[in-house]
Amino acid sequence: MKQIGILFACIVCIFVIQGLARSIWSLWEKQDVLIAKQEELARVKKEYAELKEQEKRINNPRFVEEEIRNKLFLVKPNEKLVILPTDVLEVKTEVKTEKKVEKPAYQQWLALFMQGKL
């Protein structure tokens, strides 16, 4: 009878240990999900802060005025609008700089005298 009691206690302990192991495994997996959600929350908070900053900039009357002037080509009274062709506005990146190699002074004098004789 004693052996049946010990066997029954061992079986109960095995089920309890199995339940605890599953519980620990489940918590471990949920920890990964929690970390991912925390990272997503930080990203969303950063995006929210950027949008708030953009909203503050857009609600500024100066920004509104600049947009009206730049995109709608509107001017204030007594102002004149000047529209330049696009080719004038392009900045030429290729600047030709030719270095003139100067000859020594004696060669320049020699070249000058030789030109005079010919």
PDB file of N, CA and C in Angstrom:
ATOM      1  N   MET A   1       0.812  -1.190   0.000  1.00  0.00           N
ATOM      2  CA  MET A   1       0.000   0.000   0.000  1.00  0.00           C
ATOM      3  C   MET A   1       0.855   1.252   0.000  1.00  0.00           C
ATOM      4  N   LYS A   2       1.961   1.143   0.752  1.00  0.00           N
ATOM      5  CA  LYS A   2       2.866   2.265   0.808  1.00  0.00           C
ATOM      6  C   LYS A   2       3.471   2.547  -0.561  1.00  0.00           C
ATOM      7  N   GLN A   3       3.754   1.529  -1.308  1.00  0.00           N
ATOM      8  CA  GLN A   3       4.348   1.686  -2.634  1.00  0.00           C
ATOM      9  C   GLN A   3       3.363   2.344  -3.595  1.00  0.00           C
ATOM     10  N   ILE A   4       2.093   2.047  -3.457  1.00  0.00           N
ATOM     11  CA  ILE A   4       1.091   2.666  -4.334  1.00  0.00           C
ATOM     12  C   ILE A   4       0.992   4.161  -4.024  1.00  0.00           C
ATOM     13  N   GLY A   5       1.086   4.495  -2.753  1.00  0.00           N
ATOM     14  CA  GLY A   5       1.041   5.902  -2.348  1.00  0.00           C
ATOM     15  C   GLY A   5       2.242   6.669  -2.892  1.00  0.00           C
ATOM     16  N   ILE A   6       3.418   6.068  -2.826  1.00  0.00           N
ATOM     17  CA  ILE A   6       4.627   6.717  -3.350  1.00  0.00           C
ATOM     18  C   ILE A   6       4.538   6.850  -4.860  1.00  0.00           C
ATOM     19  N   LEU A   7       4.038   5.819  -5.546  1.00  0.00           N
ATOM     20  CA  LEU A   7       3.870   5.865  -6.996  1.00  0.00           C
ATOM     21  C   LEU A   7       2.870   6.946  -7.384  1.00  0.00           C
ATOM     22  N   PHE A   8       1.783   7.019  -6.641  1.00  0.00           N
ATOM     23  CA  PHE A   8       0.771   8.051  -6.916  1.00  0.00           C
ATOM     24  C   PHE A   8       1.357   9.455  -6.690  1.00  0.00           C
ATOM     25  N   ALA A   9       2.139   9.630  -5.644  1.00  0.00           N
ATOM     26  CA  ALA A   9       2.777  10.919  -5.356  1.00  0.00           C
ATOM     27  C   ALA A   9       3.765  11.282  -6.471  1.00  0.00           C
ATOM     28  N   CYS A  10       4.516  10.306  -6.986  1.00  0.00           N
ATOM     29  CA  CYS A  10       5.464  10.555  -8.084  1.00  0.00           C
ATOM     30  C   CYS A  10       4.733  10.975  -9.354  1.00  0.00           C
ATOM     31  N   ILE A  11       3.626  10.305  -9.648  1.00  0.00           N
ATOM     32  CA  ILE A  11       2.845  10.653 -10.841  1.00  0.00           C
ATOM     33  C   ILE A  11       2.297  12.067 -10.718  1.00  0.00           C
ATOM     34  N   VAL A  12       1.791  12.413  -9.534  1.00  0.00           N
ATOM     35  CA  VAL A  12       1.276  13.777  -9.304  1.00  0.00           C
ATOM     36  C   VAL A  12       2.398  14.795  -9.465  1.00  0.00           C
ATOM     37  N   CYS A  13       3.579  14.473  -8.918  1.00  0.00           N
ATOM     38  CA  CYS A  13       4.731  15.384  -9.042  1.00  0.00           C
ATOM     39  C   CYS A  13       5.140  15.560 -10.510  1.00  0.00           C
ATOM     40  N   ILE A  14       5.107  14.507 -11.286  1.00  0.00           N
ATOM     41  CA  ILE A  14       5.458  14.595 -12.709  1.00  0.00           C
ATOM     42  C   ILE A  14       4.486  15.525 -13.427  1.00  0.00           C
ATOM     43  N   PHE A  15       3.185  15.378 -13.154  1.00  0.00           N
ATOM     44  CA  PHE A  15       2.199  16.264 -13.786  1.00  0.00           C
ATOM     45  C   PHE A  15       2.393  17.728 -13.355  1.00  0.00           C
ATOM     46  N   VAL A  16       2.707  17.925 -12.087  1.00  0.00           N
ATOM     47  CA  VAL A  16       2.941  19.293 -11.584  1.00  0.00           C
ATOM     48  C   VAL A  16       4.179  19.889 -12.247  1.00  0.00           C
ATOM     49  N   ILE A  17       5.247  19.104 -12.346  1.00  0.00           N
ATOM     50  CA  ILE A  17       6.484  19.582 -12.974  1.00  0.00           C
ATOM     51  C   ILE A  17       6.245  19.875 -14.445  1.00  0.00           C
ATOM     52  N   GLN A  18       5.495  19.013 -15.128  1.00  0.00           N
ATOM     53  CA  GLN A  18       5.187  19.241 -16.537  1.00  0.00           C
ATOM     54  C   GLN A  18       4.386  20.531 -16.698  1.00  0.00           C
ATOM     55  N   GLY A  19       3.429  20.763 -15.848  1.00  0.00           N
ATOM     56  CA  GLY A  19       2.630  21.995 -15.909  1.00  0.00           C
ATOM     57  C   GLY A  19       3.479  23.232 -15.662  1.00  0.00           C
ATOM     58  N   LEU A  20       4.383  23.136 -14.693  1.00  0.00           N
ATOM     59  CA  LEU A  20       5.277  24.257 -14.410  1.00  0.00           C
ATOM     60  C   LEU A  20       6.230  24.521 -15.583  1.00  0.00           C
ATOM     61  N   ALA A  21       6.722  23.432 -16.183  1.00  0.00           N
ATOM     62  CA  ALA A  21       7.628  23.586 -17.324  1.00  0.00           C
ATOM     63  C   ALA A  21       6.904  24.271 -18.495  1.00  0.00           C
ATOM     64  N   ARG A  22       5.676  23.862 -18.766  1.00  0.00           N
ATOM     65  CA  ARG A  22       4.903  24.517 -19.836  1.00  0.00           C
ATOM     66  C   ARG A  22       4.660  25.980 -19.511  1.00  0.00           C
ATOM     67  N   SER A  23       4.379  26.248 -18.253  1.00  0.00           N
ATOM     68  CA  SER A  23       4.135  27.619 -17.823  1.00  0.00           C
ATOM     69  C   SER A  23       5.379  28.478 -18.021  1.00  0.00           C
ATOM     70  N   ILE A  24       6.526  27.955 -17.652  1.00  0.00           N
ATOM     71  CA  ILE A  24       7.787  28.693 -17.815  1.00  0.00           C
ATOM     72  C   ILE A  24       8.074  28.910 -19.297  1.00  0.00           C
ATOM     73  N   TRP A  25       7.871  27.873 -20.112  1.00  0.00           N
ATOM     74  CA  TRP A  25       8.102  27.990 -21.557  1.00  0.00           C
ATOM     75  C   TRP A  25       7.177  29.046 -22.164  1.00  0.00           C
ATOM     76  N   SER A  26       5.933  29.064 -21.769  1.00  0.00           N
ATOM     77  CA  SER A  26       4.969  30.044 -22.272  1.00  0.00           C
ATOM     78  C   SER A  26       5.386  31.459 -21.883  1.00  0.00           C
ATOM     79  N   LEU A  27       5.817  31.632 -20.641  1.00  0.00           N
ATOM     80  CA  LEU A  27       6.276  32.953 -20.195  1.00  0.00           C
ATOM     81  C   LEU A  27       7.520  33.393 -20.969  1.00  0.00           C
ATOM     82  N   TRP A  28       8.405  32.461 -21.269  1.00  0.00           N
ATOM     83  CA  TRP A  28       9.624  32.765 -22.015  1.00  0.00           C
ATOM     84  C   TRP A  28       9.278  33.263 -23.420  1.00  0.00           C
ATOM     85  N   GLU A  29       8.335  32.598 -24.095  1.00  0.00           N
ATOM     86  CA  GLU A  29       7.900  33.029 -25.421  1.00  0.00           C
ATOM     87  C   GLU A  29       7.206  34.381 -25.355  1.00  0.00           C
ATOM     88  N   LYS A  30       6.416  34.611 -24.337  1.00  0.00           N
ATOM     89  CA  LYS A  30       5.709  35.879 -24.197  1.00  0.00           C
ATOM     90  C   LYS A  30       6.677  37.023 -23.913  1.00  0.00           C
ATOM     91  N   GLN A  31       7.814  36.713 -23.303  1.00  0.00           N
ATOM     92  CA  GLN A  31       8.813  37.731 -23.046  1.00  0.00           C
ATOM     93  C   GLN A  31       9.357  38.276 -24.375  1.00  0.00           C
ATOM     94  N   ASP A  32       9.580  37.402 -25.352  1.00  0.00           N
ATOM     95  CA  ASP A  32      10.033  37.842 -26.669  1.00  0.00           C
ATOM     96  C   ASP A  32       8.996  38.746 -27.328  1.00  0.00           C
ATOM     97  N   VAL A  33       7.729  38.367 -27.195  1.00  0.00           N
ATOM     98  CA  VAL A  33       6.656  39.180 -27.757  1.00  0.00           C
ATOM     99  C   VAL A  33       6.615  40.538 -27.065  1.00  0.00           C
ATOM    100  N   LEU A  34       6.803  40.542 -25.756  1.00  0.00           N
ATOM    101  CA  LEU A  34       6.797  41.788 -24.990  1.00  0.00           C
ATOM    102  C   LEU A  34       7.920  42.715 -25.438  1.00  0.00           C
ATOM    103  N   ILE A  35       9.104  42.170 -25.634  1.00  0.00           N
ATOM    104  CA  ILE A  35      10.239  42.981 -26.078  1.00  0.00           C
ATOM    105  C   ILE A  35       9.970  43.566 -27.463  1.00  0.00           C
ATOM    106  N   ALA A  36       9.407  42.760 -28.365  1.00  0.00           N
ATOM    107  CA  ALA A  36       9.088  43.251 -29.710  1.00  0.00           C
ATOM    108  C   ALA A  36       8.056  44.379 -29.641  1.00  0.00           C
ATOM    109  N   LYS A  37       7.054  44.225 -28.794  1.00  0.00           N
ATOM    110  CA  LYS A  37       6.019  45.252 -28.666  1.00  0.00           C
ATOM    111  C   LYS A  37       6.589  46.527 -28.039  1.00  0.00           C
ATOM    112  N   GLN A  38       7.525  46.387 -27.108  1.00  0.00           N
ATOM    113  CA  GLN A  38       8.152  47.564 -26.514  1.00  0.00           C
ATOM    114  C   GLN A  38       8.970  48.331 -27.549  1.00  0.00           C
ATOM    115  N   GLU A  39       9.667  47.600 -28.412  1.00  0.00           N
ATOM    116  CA  GLU A  39      10.425  48.254 -29.485  1.00  0.00           C
ATOM    117  C   GLU A  39       9.480  48.963 -30.448  1.00  0.00           C
ATOM    118  N   GLU A  40       8.364  48.317 -30.771  1.00  0.00           N
ATOM    119  CA  GLU A  40       7.376  48.935 -31.654  1.00  0.00           C
ATOM    120  C   GLU A  40       6.786  50.184 -30.997  1.00  0.00           C
ATOM    121  N   LEU A  41       6.536  50.113 -29.704  1.00  0.00           N
ATOM    122  CA  LEU A  41       6.005  51.265 -28.972  1.00  0.00           C
ATOM    123  C   LEU A  41       6.989  52.429 -29.018  1.00  0.00           C
ATOM    124  N   ALA A  42       8.272  52.151 -28.839  1.00  0.00           N
ATOM    125  CA  ALA A  42       9.295  53.209 -28.897  1.00  0.00           C
ATOM    126  C   ALA A  42       9.338  53.831 -30.288  1.00  0.00           C
ATOM    127  N   ARG A  43       9.223  52.996 -31.332  1.00  0.00           N
ATOM    128  CA  ARG A  43       9.226  53.505 -32.710  1.00  0.00           C
ATOM    129  C   ARG A  43       8.005  54.385 -32.966  1.00  0.00           C
ATOM    130  N   VAL A  44       6.854  53.951 -32.479  1.00  0.00           N
ATOM    131  CA  VAL A  44       5.623  54.718 -32.688  1.00  0.00           C
ATOM    132  C   VAL A  44       5.681  56.036 -31.908  1.00  0.00           C
ATOM    133  N   LYS A  45       6.252  56.013 -30.709  1.00  0.00           N
ATOM    134  CA  LYS A  45       6.387  57.250 -29.933  1.00  0.00           C
ATOM    135  C   LYS A  45       7.300  58.241 -30.648  1.00  0.00           C
ATOM    136  N   LYS A  46       8.384  57.736 -31.230  1.00  0.00           N
ATOM    137  CA  LYS A  46       9.302  58.604 -31.974  1.00  0.00           C
ATOM    138  C   LYS A  46       8.595  59.200 -33.185  1.00  0.00           C
ATOM    139  N   GLU A  47       7.852  58.371 -33.905  1.00  0.00           N
ATOM    140  CA  GLU A  47       7.103  58.846 -35.072  1.00  0.00           C
ATOM    141  C   GLU A  47       6.061  59.884 -34.647  1.00  0.00           C
ATOM    142  N   TYR A  48       5.414  59.653 -33.530  1.00  0.00           N
ATOM    143  CA  TYR A  48       4.410  60.590 -33.014  1.00  0.00           C
ATOM    144  C   TYR A  48       5.058  61.936 -32.689  1.00  0.00           C
ATOM    145  N   ALA A  49       6.238  61.897 -32.068  1.00  0.00           N
ATOM    146  CA  ALA A  49       6.941  63.139 -31.736  1.00  0.00           C
ATOM    147  C   ALA A  49       7.329  63.900 -33.004  1.00  0.00           C
ATOM    148  N   GLU A  50       7.769  63.167 -34.034  1.00  0.00           N
ATOM    149  CA  GLU A  50       8.116  63.806 -35.307  1.00  0.00           C
ATOM    150  C   GLU A  50       6.887  64.440 -35.947  1.00  0.00           C
ATOM    151  N   LEU A  51       5.757  63.753 -35.892  1.00  0.00           N
ATOM    152  CA  LEU A  51       4.529  64.301 -36.469  1.00  0.00           C
ATOM    153  C   LEU A  51       4.058  65.525 -35.699  1.00  0.00           C
ATOM    154  N   LYS A  52       4.212  65.508 -34.373  1.00  0.00           N
ATOM    155  CA  LYS A  52       3.843  66.679 -33.572  1.00  0.00           C
ATOM    156  C   LYS A  52       4.720  67.874 -33.954  1.00  0.00           C
ATOM    157  N   GLU A  53       6.009  67.623 -34.146  1.00  0.00           N
ATOM    158  CA  GLU A  53       6.935  68.697 -34.546  1.00  0.00           C
ATOM    159  C   GLU A  53       6.552  69.237 -35.925  1.00  0.00           C
ATOM    160  N   GLN A  54       6.216  68.334 -36.840  1.00  0.00           N
ATOM    161  CA  GLN A  54       5.805  68.753 -38.174  1.00  0.00           C
ATOM    162  C   GLN A  54       4.504  69.555 -38.106  1.00  0.00           C
ATOM    163  N   GLU A  55       3.583  69.129 -37.252  1.00  0.00           N
ATOM    164  CA  GLU A  55       2.324  69.863 -37.097  1.00  0.00           C
ATOM    165  C   GLU A  55       2.587  71.276 -36.565  1.00  0.00           C
ATOM    166  N   LYS A  56       3.493  71.374 -35.605  1.00  0.00           N
ATOM    167  CA  LYS A  56       3.824  72.683 -35.044  1.00  0.00           C
ATOM    168  C   LYS A  56       4.418  73.588 -36.133  1.00  0.00           C
ATOM    169  N   ARG A  57       5.286  73.011 -36.979  1.00  0.00           N
ATOM    170  CA  ARG A  57       5.911  73.779 -38.060  1.00  0.00           C
ATOM    171  C   ARG A  57       4.879  74.192 -39.104  1.00  0.00           C
ATOM    172  N   ILE A  58       3.958  73.308 -39.411  1.00  0.00           N
ATOM    173  CA  ILE A  58       2.949  73.610 -40.431  1.00  0.00           C
ATOM    174  C   ILE A  58       1.966  74.654 -39.934  1.00  0.00           C
ATOM    175  N   ASN A  59       1.637  74.633 -38.666  1.00  0.00           N
ATOM    176  CA  ASN A  59       0.684  75.602 -38.128  1.00  0.00           C
ATOM    177  C   ASN A  59       1.288  76.992 -37.953  1.00  0.00           C
ATOM    178  N   ASN A  60       2.579  77.121 -38.185  1.00  0.00           N
ATOM    179  CA  ASN A  60       3.243  78.413 -38.098  1.00  0.00           C
ATOM    180  C   ASN A  60       2.809  79.285 -39.283  1.00  0.00           C
ATOM    181  N   PRO A  61       2.368  80.529 -39.050  1.00  0.00           N
ATOM    182  CA  PRO A  61       1.933  81.391 -40.159  1.00  0.00           C
ATOM    183  C   PRO A  61       3.037  81.641 -41.189  1.00  0.00           C
ATOM    184  N   ARG A  62       4.280  81.635 -40.752  1.00  0.00           N
ATOM    185  CA  ARG A  62       5.377  81.867 -41.695  1.00  0.00           C
ATOM    186  C   ARG A  62       5.471  80.721 -42.698  1.00  0.00           C
ATOM    187  N   PHE A  63       5.297  79.494 -42.237  1.00  0.00           N
ATOM    188  CA  PHE A  63       5.325  78.340 -43.130  1.00  0.00           C
ATOM    189  C   PHE A  63       4.201  78.433 -44.155  1.00  0.00           C
ATOM    190  N   VAL A  64       3.015  78.816 -43.691  1.00  0.00           N
ATOM    191  CA  VAL A  64       1.863  78.931 -44.591  1.00  0.00           C
ATOM    192  C   VAL A  64       2.163  79.979 -45.654  1.00  0.00           C
ATOM    193  N   GLU A  65       2.736  81.085 -45.251  1.00  0.00           N
ATOM    194  CA  GLU A  65       3.055  82.145 -46.212  1.00  0.00           C
ATOM    195  C   GLU A  65       4.086  81.674 -47.232  1.00  0.00           C
ATOM    196  N   GLU A  66       5.108  80.967 -46.770  1.00  0.00           N
ATOM    197  CA  GLU A  66       6.124  80.459 -47.696  1.00  0.00           C
ATOM    198  C   GLU A  66       5.523  79.481 -48.706  1.00  0.00           C
ATOM    199  N   GLU A  67       4.652  78.607 -48.241  1.00  0.00           N
ATOM    200  CA  GLU A  67       4.018  77.649 -49.149  1.00  0.00           C
ATOM    201  C   GLU A  67       3.151  78.370 -50.190  1.00  0.00           C
ATOM    202  N   ILE A  68       2.421  79.396 -49.747  1.00  0.00           N
ATOM    203  CA  ILE A  68       1.577  80.149 -50.681  1.00  0.00           C
ATOM    204  C   ILE A  68       2.443  80.826 -51.720  1.00  0.00           C
ATOM    205  N   ARG A  69       3.537  81.408 -51.292  1.00  0.00           N
ATOM    206  CA  ARG A  69       4.415  82.105 -52.230  1.00  0.00           C
ATOM    207  C   ARG A  69       5.107  81.135 -53.184  1.00  0.00           C
ATOM    208  N   ASN A  70       5.598  80.028 -52.675  1.00  0.00           N
ATOM    209  CA  ASN A  70       6.386  79.107 -53.498  1.00  0.00           C
ATOM    210  C   ASN A  70       5.543  78.237 -54.422  1.00  0.00           C
ATOM    211  N   LYS A  71       4.438  77.744 -53.927  1.00  0.00           N
ATOM    212  CA  LYS A  71       3.664  76.787 -54.731  1.00  0.00           C
ATOM    213  C   LYS A  71       2.543  77.433 -55.539  1.00  0.00           C
ATOM    214  N   LEU A  72       1.969  78.498 -55.018  1.00  0.00           N
ATOM    215  CA  LEU A  72       0.853  79.129 -55.722  1.00  0.00           C
ATOM    216  C   LEU A  72       1.258  80.408 -56.453  1.00  0.00           C
ATOM    217  N   PHE A  73       2.506  80.812 -56.295  1.00  0.00           N
ATOM    218  CA  PHE A  73       3.048  81.998 -56.953  1.00  0.00           C
ATOM    219  C   PHE A  73       2.223  83.246 -56.657  1.00  0.00           C
ATOM    220  N   LEU A  74       1.780  83.388 -55.426  1.00  0.00           N
ATOM    221  CA  LEU A  74       1.053  84.579 -55.024  1.00  0.00           C
ATOM    222  C   LEU A  74       2.029  85.569 -54.397  1.00  0.00           C
ATOM    223  N   VAL A  75       1.719  86.844 -54.549  1.00  0.00           N
ATOM    224  CA  VAL A  75       2.589  87.887 -54.011  1.00  0.00           C
ATOM    225  C   VAL A  75       1.778  88.831 -53.146  1.00  0.00           C
ATOM    226  N   LYS A  76       2.487  89.597 -52.316  1.00  0.00           N
ATOM    227  CA  LYS A  76       1.836  90.607 -51.502  1.00  0.00           C
ATOM    228  C   LYS A  76       1.524  91.820 -52.384  1.00  0.00           C
ATOM    229  N   PRO A  77       0.647  92.682 -51.916  1.00  0.00           N
ATOM    230  CA  PRO A  77       0.387  93.904 -52.688  1.00  0.00           C
ATOM    231  C   PRO A  77       1.678  94.717 -52.844  1.00  0.00           C
ATOM    232  N   ASN A  78       1.820  95.340 -53.991  1.00  0.00           N
ATOM    233  CA  ASN A  78       2.987  96.157 -54.349  1.00  0.00           C
ATOM    234  C   ASN A  78       4.266  95.333 -54.491  1.00  0.00           C
ATOM    235  N   GLU A  79       4.141  94.046 -54.722  1.00  0.00           N
ATOM    236  CA  GLU A  79       5.287  93.192 -55.005  1.00  0.00           C
ATOM    237  C   GLU A  79       5.179  92.701 -56.429  1.00  0.00           C
ATOM    238  N   LYS A  80       6.331  92.415 -57.035  1.00  0.00           N
ATOM    239  CA  LYS A  80       6.345  91.893 -58.398  1.00  0.00           C
ATOM    240  C   LYS A  80       6.901  90.480 -58.374  1.00  0.00           C
ATOM    241  N   LEU A  81       6.320  89.630 -59.173  1.00  0.00           N
ATOM    242  CA  LEU A  81       6.739  88.233 -59.266  1.00  0.00           C
ATOM    243  C   LEU A  81       7.715  88.097 -60.424  1.00  0.00           C
ATOM    244  N   VAL A  82       8.844  87.480 -60.166  1.00  0.00           N
ATOM    245  CA  VAL A  82       9.848  87.236 -61.192  1.00  0.00           C
ATOM    246  C   VAL A  82      10.008  85.735 -61.332  1.00  0.00           C
ATOM    247  N   ILE A  83       9.805  85.239 -62.545  1.00  0.00           N
ATOM    248  CA  ILE A  83       9.953  83.811 -62.811  1.00  0.00           C
ATOM    249  C   ILE A  83      11.144  83.637 -63.740  1.00  0.00           C
ATOM    250  N   LEU A  84      12.120  82.896 -63.286  1.00  0.00           N
ATOM    251  CA  LEU A  84      13.320  82.660 -64.071  1.00  0.00           C
ATOM    252  C   LEU A  84      13.214  81.329 -64.792  1.00  0.00           C
ATOM    253  N   PRO A  85      13.755  81.237 -65.984  1.00  0.00           N
ATOM    254  CA  PRO A  85      13.761  79.944 -66.676  1.00  0.00           C
ATOM    255  C   PRO A  85      14.587  78.919 -65.890  1.00  0.00           C
ATOM    256  N   THR A  86      14.253  77.680 -66.060  1.00  0.00           N
ATOM    257  CA  THR A  86      14.921  76.639 -65.278  1.00  0.00           C
ATOM    258  C   THR A  86      16.388  76.487 -65.652  1.00  0.00           C
ATOM    259  N   ASP A  87      16.747  76.747 -66.907  1.00  0.00           N
ATOM    260  CA  ASP A  87      18.151  76.587 -67.291  1.00  0.00           C
ATOM    261  C   ASP A  87      19.043  77.640 -66.643  1.00  0.00           C
ATOM    262  N   VAL A  88      18.479  78.765 -66.258  1.00  0.00           N
ATOM    263  CA  VAL A  88      19.256  79.792 -65.569  1.00  0.00           C
ATOM    264  C   VAL A  88      19.528  79.354 -64.129  1.00  0.00           C
ATOM    265  N   LEU A  89      18.587  78.645 -63.561  1.00  0.00           N
ATOM    266  CA  LEU A  89      18.714  78.240 -62.170  1.00  0.00           C
ATOM    267  C   LEU A  89      19.654  77.055 -61.968  1.00  0.00           C
ATOM    268  N   GLU A  90      19.901  76.289 -63.015  1.00  0.00           N
ATOM    269  CA  GLU A  90      20.764  75.124 -62.881  1.00  0.00           C
ATOM    270  C   GLU A  90      22.194  75.549 -62.624  1.00  0.00           C
ATOM    271  N   VAL A  91      22.776  74.906 -61.675  1.00  0.00           N
ATOM    272  CA  VAL A  91      24.163  75.206 -61.345  1.00  0.00           C
ATOM    273  C   VAL A  91      25.042  74.251 -62.139  1.00  0.00           C
ATOM    274  N   LYS A  92      25.969  74.814 -62.840  1.00  0.00           N
ATOM    275  CA  LYS A  92      26.870  73.978 -63.620  1.00  0.00           C
ATOM    276  C   LYS A  92      27.951  73.448 -62.696  1.00  0.00           C
ATOM    277  N   THR A  93      28.028  72.149 -62.635  1.00  0.00           N
ATOM    278  CA  THR A  93      28.987  71.531 -61.728  1.00  0.00           C
ATOM    279  C   THR A  93      30.353  71.371 -62.379  1.00  0.00           C
ATOM    280  N   GLU A  94      30.367  71.311 -63.684  1.00  0.00           N
ATOM    281  CA  GLU A  94      31.646  71.126 -64.360  1.00  0.00           C
ATOM    282  C   GLU A  94      32.273  72.485 -64.639  1.00  0.00           C
ATOM    283  N   VAL A  95      33.312  72.750 -63.937  1.00  0.00           N
ATOM    284  CA  VAL A  95      34.048  73.985 -64.142  1.00  0.00           C
ATOM    285  C   VAL A  95      35.401  73.595 -64.708  1.00  0.00           C
ATOM    286  N   LYS A  96      35.665  74.111 -65.877  1.00  0.00           N
ATOM    287  CA  LYS A  96      36.933  73.777 -66.508  1.00  0.00           C
ATOM    288  C   LYS A  96      38.011  74.703 -65.970  1.00  0.00           C
ATOM    289  N   THR A  97      38.932  74.101 -65.344  1.00  0.00           N
ATOM    290  CA  THR A  97      40.072  74.862 -64.837  1.00  0.00           C
ATOM    291  C   THR A  97      41.315  74.251 -65.452  1.00  0.00           C
ATOM    292  N   GLU A  98      41.857  74.963 -66.385  1.00  0.00           N
ATOM    293  CA  GLU A  98      43.077  74.501 -67.023  1.00  0.00           C
ATOM    294  C   GLU A  98      44.241  75.211 -66.365  1.00  0.00           C
ATOM    295  N   LYS A  99      45.133  74.444 -65.869  1.00  0.00           N
ATOM    296  CA  LYS A  99      46.318  75.035 -65.271  1.00  0.00           C
ATOM    297  C   LYS A  99      47.318  75.327 -66.388  1.00  0.00           C
ATOM    298  N   LYS A 100      47.687  76.554 -66.399  1.00  0.00           N
ATOM    299  CA  LYS A 100      48.673  76.946 -67.388  1.00  0.00           C
ATOM    300  C   LYS A 100      50.045  76.659 -66.800  1.00  0.00           C
ATOM    301  N   VAL A 101      50.746  75.799 -67.475  1.00  0.00           N
ATOM    302  CA  VAL A 101      52.069  75.432 -67.006  1.00  0.00           C
ATOM    303  C   VAL A 101      53.030  76.520 -67.474  1.00  0.00           C
ATOM    304  N   GLU A 102      53.578  77.188 -66.518  1.00  0.00           N
ATOM    305  CA  GLU A 102      54.508  78.258 -66.868  1.00  0.00           C
ATOM    306  C   GLU A 102      55.904  77.694 -67.026  1.00  0.00           C
ATOM    307  N   LYS A 103      56.538  78.190 -68.065  1.00  0.00           N
ATOM    308  CA  LYS A 103      57.920  77.789 -68.305  1.00  0.00           C
ATOM    309  C   LYS A 103      58.838  78.643 -67.436  1.00  0.00           C
ATOM    310  N   PRO A 104      59.979  78.149 -67.191  1.00  0.00           N
ATOM    311  CA  PRO A 104      60.940  78.979 -66.460  1.00  0.00           C
ATOM    312  C   PRO A 104      61.238  80.269 -67.230  1.00  0.00           C
ATOM    313  N   ALA A 105      61.693  81.265 -66.531  1.00  0.00           N
ATOM    314  CA  ALA A 105      61.907  82.591 -67.117  1.00  0.00           C
ATOM    315  C   ALA A 105      62.877  82.550 -68.293  1.00  0.00           C
ATOM    316  N   TYR A 106      63.948  81.763 -68.186  1.00  0.00           N
ATOM    317  CA  TYR A 106      64.924  81.738 -69.283  1.00  0.00           C
ATOM    318  C   TYR A 106      64.310  81.161 -70.554  1.00  0.00           C
ATOM    319  N   GLN A 107      63.389  80.169 -70.433  1.00  0.00           N
ATOM    320  CA  GLN A 107      62.752  79.598 -71.618  1.00  0.00           C
ATOM    321  C   GLN A 107      61.783  80.605 -72.235  1.00  0.00           C
ATOM    322  N   GLN A 108      61.111  81.388 -71.396  1.00  0.00           N
ATOM    323  CA  GLN A 108      60.198  82.413 -71.922  1.00  0.00           C
ATOM    324  C   GLN A 108      60.986  83.477 -72.696  1.00  0.00           C
ATOM    325  N   TRP A 109      62.140  83.893 -72.175  1.00  0.00           N
ATOM    326  CA  TRP A 109      62.947  84.878 -72.866  1.00  0.00           C
ATOM    327  C   TRP A 109      63.462  84.308 -74.179  1.00  0.00           C
ATOM    328  N   LEU A 110      63.900  83.067 -74.138  1.00  0.00           N
ATOM    329  CA  LEU A 110      64.415  82.422 -75.336  1.00  0.00           C
ATOM    330  C   LEU A 110      63.322  82.331 -76.396  1.00  0.00           C
ATOM    331  N   ALA A 111      62.096  81.966 -75.985  1.00  0.00           N
ATOM    332  CA  ALA A 111      60.978  81.876 -76.924  1.00  0.00           C
ATOM    333  C   ALA A 111      60.661  83.248 -77.501  1.00  0.00           C
ATOM    334  N   LEU A 112      60.735  84.293 -76.684  1.00  0.00           N
ATOM    335  CA  LEU A 112      60.465  85.649 -77.143  1.00  0.00           C
ATOM    336  C   LEU A 112      61.499  86.102 -78.179  1.00  0.00           C
ATOM    337  N   PHE A 113      62.755  85.834 -77.925  1.00  0.00           N
ATOM    338  CA  PHE A 113      63.810  86.229 -78.886  1.00  0.00           C
ATOM    339  C   PHE A 113      63.722  85.412 -80.161  1.00  0.00           C
ATOM    340  N   MET A 114      63.356  84.140 -80.061  1.00  0.00           N
ATOM    341  CA  MET A 114      63.256  83.295 -81.241  1.00  0.00           C
ATOM    342  C   MET A 114      62.097  83.749 -82.122  1.00  0.00           C
ATOM    343  N   GLN A 115      61.023  84.220 -81.556  1.00  0.00           N
ATOM    344  CA  GLN A 115      59.890  84.702 -82.344  1.00  0.00           C
ATOM    345  C   GLN A 115      60.281  85.972 -83.112  1.00  0.00           C
ATOM    346  N   GLY A 116      61.090  86.778 -82.495  1.00  0.00           N
ATOM    347  CA  GLY A 116      61.501  88.017 -83.134  1.00  0.00           C
ATOM    348  C   GLY A 116      62.380  87.770 -84.345  1.00  0.00           C
ATOM    349  N   LYS A 117      63.216  86.745 -84.340  1.00  0.00           N
ATOM    350  CA  LYS A 117      64.137  86.453 -85.424  1.00  0.00           C
ATOM    351  C   LYS A 117      63.434  85.797 -86.610  1.00  0.00           C
ATOM    352  N   LEU A 118      62.417  85.011 -86.311  1.00  0.00           N
ATOM    353  CA  LEU A 118      61.761  84.302 -87.404  1.00  0.00           C
ATOM    354  C   LEU A 118      60.918  85.282 -88.108  1.00  0.00           C
TER     355      LEU A 118
END
